[in-house]
């Protein structure tokens, strides 16, 4: 958890947009890791990729369950509340704008773009993580970059 906790946390928070939900997905991810005795990891990168995949799936499961309960989308005000509660971020900073722009993206392209830009994964690696064709991942990354440029311009 010390080595990959930050990455898993960012994936969860970026996917769910609400800190409490992200905490639940984060905890679920590491509980699954603790219970995955039969999983043989080929190295640290394989372990990291596995954790990202499990976190992404946990977030998707939570979103599916939430969509079944209500037909109302996520409250946009929650994003501002989460961002405002972070004492390290200053309102109006460039970091704040980029995070808000990333959160505003649909998923996909949000998760593949995050994995490419911030985690340094290649499109073929992301395709394996999210179980999608490589060319689709390239399209998601391209579309996400274009949308970010439009929002941040």
Protein backbone atom coordinates (compact mmCIF):
# COMPACT_ATOMS: atom_id res chain seq x y z
CA UNK A 1 0.00 0.00 0.00
CA UNK A 2 2.93 2.32 0.65
CA UNK A 3 4.28 1.81 -2.86
CA UNK A 4 1.07 2.01 -4.92
CA UNK A 5 -1.46 3.59 -2.56
CA UNK A 6 -1.17 7.07 -4.08
CA UNK A 7 -1.78 5.75 -7.59
CA UNK A 8 -4.79 3.69 -6.53
CA UNK A 9 -6.18 6.65 -4.57
CA UNK A 10 -5.88 8.98 -7.58
CA UNK A 11 -7.58 6.43 -9.85
CA UNK A 12 -10.45 6.05 -7.38
CA UNK A 13 -10.89 9.77 -6.76
CA UNK A 14 -10.71 10.60 -10.44
CA UNK A 15 -13.26 7.92 -11.32
CA UNK A 16 -15.77 8.55 -8.56
CA UNK A 17 -15.40 12.32 -8.00
CA UNK A 18 -16.50 12.00 -4.38
CA UNK A 19 -13.99 11.45 -1.61
CA UNK A 20 -16.14 9.11 0.50
CA UNK A 21 -16.88 6.85 -2.48
CA UNK A 22 -13.21 6.92 -3.48
CA UNK A 23 -12.26 5.81 0.04
CA UNK A 24 -14.65 2.87 -0.22
CA UNK A 25 -13.22 1.81 -3.59
CA UNK A 26 -9.67 2.26 -2.31
CA UNK A 27 -10.38 0.08 0.71
CA UNK A 28 -12.13 -2.51 -1.45
CA UNK A 29 -9.14 -2.63 -3.81
CA UNK A 30 -6.64 -3.33 -1.05
CA UNK A 31 -8.96 -5.81 0.64
CA UNK A 32 -9.08 -7.74 -2.64
CA UNK A 33 -5.29 -7.51 -2.81
CA UNK A 34 -4.97 -8.87 0.73
CA UNK A 35 -7.28 -11.76 -0.13
CA UNK A 36 -5.59 -12.52 -3.47
CA UNK A 37 -3.29 -15.26 -2.16
CA UNK A 38 -3.51 -17.27 -5.37
CA UNK A 39 -2.42 -14.35 -7.57
CA UNK A 40 1.21 -14.66 -8.64
CA UNK A 41 2.68 -11.32 -9.62
CA UNK A 42 5.53 -11.22 -12.12
CA UNK A 43 7.00 -8.06 -10.63
CA UNK A 44 6.17 -4.69 -9.18
CA UNK A 45 4.76 -3.30 -12.44
CA UNK A 46 2.44 -6.29 -12.76
CA UNK A 47 1.26 -5.72 -9.17
CA UNK A 48 0.66 -2.01 -9.92
CA UNK A 49 -1.26 -2.82 -13.10
CA UNK A 50 -3.36 -5.38 -11.21
CA UNK A 51 -4.19 -2.85 -8.49
CA UNK A 52 -5.18 -0.21 -11.06
CA UNK A 53 -7.39 -2.72 -12.85
CA UNK A 54 -9.08 -3.81 -9.61
CA UNK A 55 -9.57 -0.18 -8.55
CA UNK A 56 -11.09 0.71 -11.91
CA UNK A 57 -13.46 -2.25 -11.70
CA UNK A 58 -14.42 -1.38 -8.11
CA UNK A 59 -15.23 2.19 -9.20
CA UNK A 60 -17.29 0.99 -12.14
CA UNK A 61 -19.20 -1.38 -9.87
CA UNK A 62 -19.96 1.44 -7.45
CA UNK A 63 -21.15 3.70 -10.27
CA UNK A 64 -23.40 0.94 -11.63
CA UNK A 65 -24.93 0.38 -8.21
CA UNK A 66 -25.47 4.11 -7.79
CA UNK A 67 -27.12 4.44 -11.19
CA UNK A 68 -29.57 1.68 -10.29
CA UNK A 69 -30.58 3.48 -7.10
CA UNK A 70 -31.25 6.83 -8.74
CA UNK A 71 -31.51 8.24 -12.20
CA UNK A 72 -29.99 11.54 -11.11
CA UNK A 73 -26.37 12.25 -12.10
CA UNK A 74 -23.62 13.08 -9.66
CA UNK A 75 -24.02 16.44 -8.00
CA UNK A 76 -21.60 18.88 -9.60
CA UNK A 77 -21.31 20.78 -6.34
CA UNK A 78 -19.59 17.80 -4.74
CA UNK A 79 -16.59 18.28 -7.02
CA UNK A 80 -16.18 21.81 -5.74
CA UNK A 81 -16.59 20.66 -2.15
CA UNK A 82 -13.92 17.97 -2.54
CA UNK A 83 -11.51 20.40 -4.22
CA UNK A 84 -12.16 23.10 -1.63
CA UNK A 85 -11.49 20.70 1.24
CA UNK A 86 -7.91 20.06 0.07
CA UNK A 87 -5.70 22.49 2.04
CA UNK A 88 -2.77 22.11 -0.39
CA UNK A 89 -4.74 23.46 -3.34
CA UNK A 90 -5.27 27.16 -3.73
CA UNK A 91 -8.46 28.34 -5.45
CA UNK A 92 -7.78 29.45 -8.99
CA UNK A 93 -4.47 27.61 -9.28
CA UNK A 94 -3.51 25.86 -12.50
CA UNK A 95 -3.46 22.52 -10.66
CA UNK A 96 -7.03 23.10 -9.52
CA UNK A 97 -8.12 23.87 -13.10
CA UNK A 98 -6.46 20.76 -14.52
CA UNK A 99 -7.99 18.50 -11.86
CA UNK A 100 -11.43 19.99 -12.49
CA UNK A 101 -10.98 19.56 -16.24
CA UNK A 102 -9.94 15.92 -15.79
CA UNK A 103 -12.93 15.27 -13.52
CA UNK A 104 -15.24 16.81 -16.10
CA UNK A 105 -14.23 14.25 -18.72
CA UNK A 106 -16.39 11.21 -19.30
CA UNK A 107 -14.93 7.79 -18.61
CA UNK A 108 -13.53 6.89 -21.08
CA UNK A 109 -11.42 8.91 -21.91
CA UNK A 110 -10.71 10.02 -18.31
CA UNK A 111 -9.07 6.83 -16.99
CA UNK A 112 -6.99 6.01 -20.09
CA UNK A 113 -5.83 9.63 -20.33
CA UNK A 114 -4.87 9.66 -16.65
CA UNK A 115 -2.93 6.41 -17.03
CA UNK A 116 -1.09 7.77 -20.07
CA UNK A 117 -0.30 11.27 -18.80
CA UNK A 118 0.27 10.76 -15.08
CA UNK A 119 1.25 7.13 -14.70
CA UNK A 120 3.29 6.84 -17.90
CA UNK A 121 1.55 3.78 -19.35
CA UNK A 122 1.61 3.18 -23.09
CA UNK A 123 -1.56 2.60 -25.09
CA UNK A 124 -0.94 -1.18 -25.39
CA UNK A 125 -0.45 -1.40 -21.61
CA UNK A 126 -3.61 0.62 -20.99
CA UNK A 127 -5.50 -1.59 -23.45
CA UNK A 128 -4.53 -4.62 -21.38
CA UNK A 129 -5.54 -2.86 -18.14
CA UNK A 130 -8.97 -1.76 -19.32
CA UNK A 131 -9.59 -4.72 -21.62
CA UNK A 132 -10.08 -2.67 -24.79
CA UNK A 133 -8.52 -2.69 -28.27
CA UNK A 134 -5.29 -0.71 -28.59
CA UNK A 135 -6.64 1.56 -31.33
CA UNK A 136 -9.64 2.40 -29.15
CA UNK A 137 -7.28 3.42 -26.35
CA UNK A 138 -5.37 5.66 -28.78
CA UNK A 139 -8.70 7.28 -29.73
CA UNK A 140 -9.68 7.79 -26.10
CA UNK A 141 -6.34 9.41 -25.28
CA UNK A 142 -6.53 11.66 -28.34
CA UNK A 143 -10.13 12.66 -27.59
CA UNK A 144 -9.29 13.31 -23.93
CA UNK A 145 -6.32 15.52 -24.80
CA UNK A 146 -8.44 17.48 -27.26
CA UNK A 147 -11.20 17.98 -24.67
CA UNK A 148 -8.65 19.08 -22.05
CA UNK A 149 -7.13 21.60 -24.45
CA UNK A 150 -10.57 23.04 -25.19
CA UNK A 151 -11.44 23.37 -21.51
CA UNK A 152 -8.07 24.77 -20.46
CA UNK A 153 -7.64 27.18 -23.40
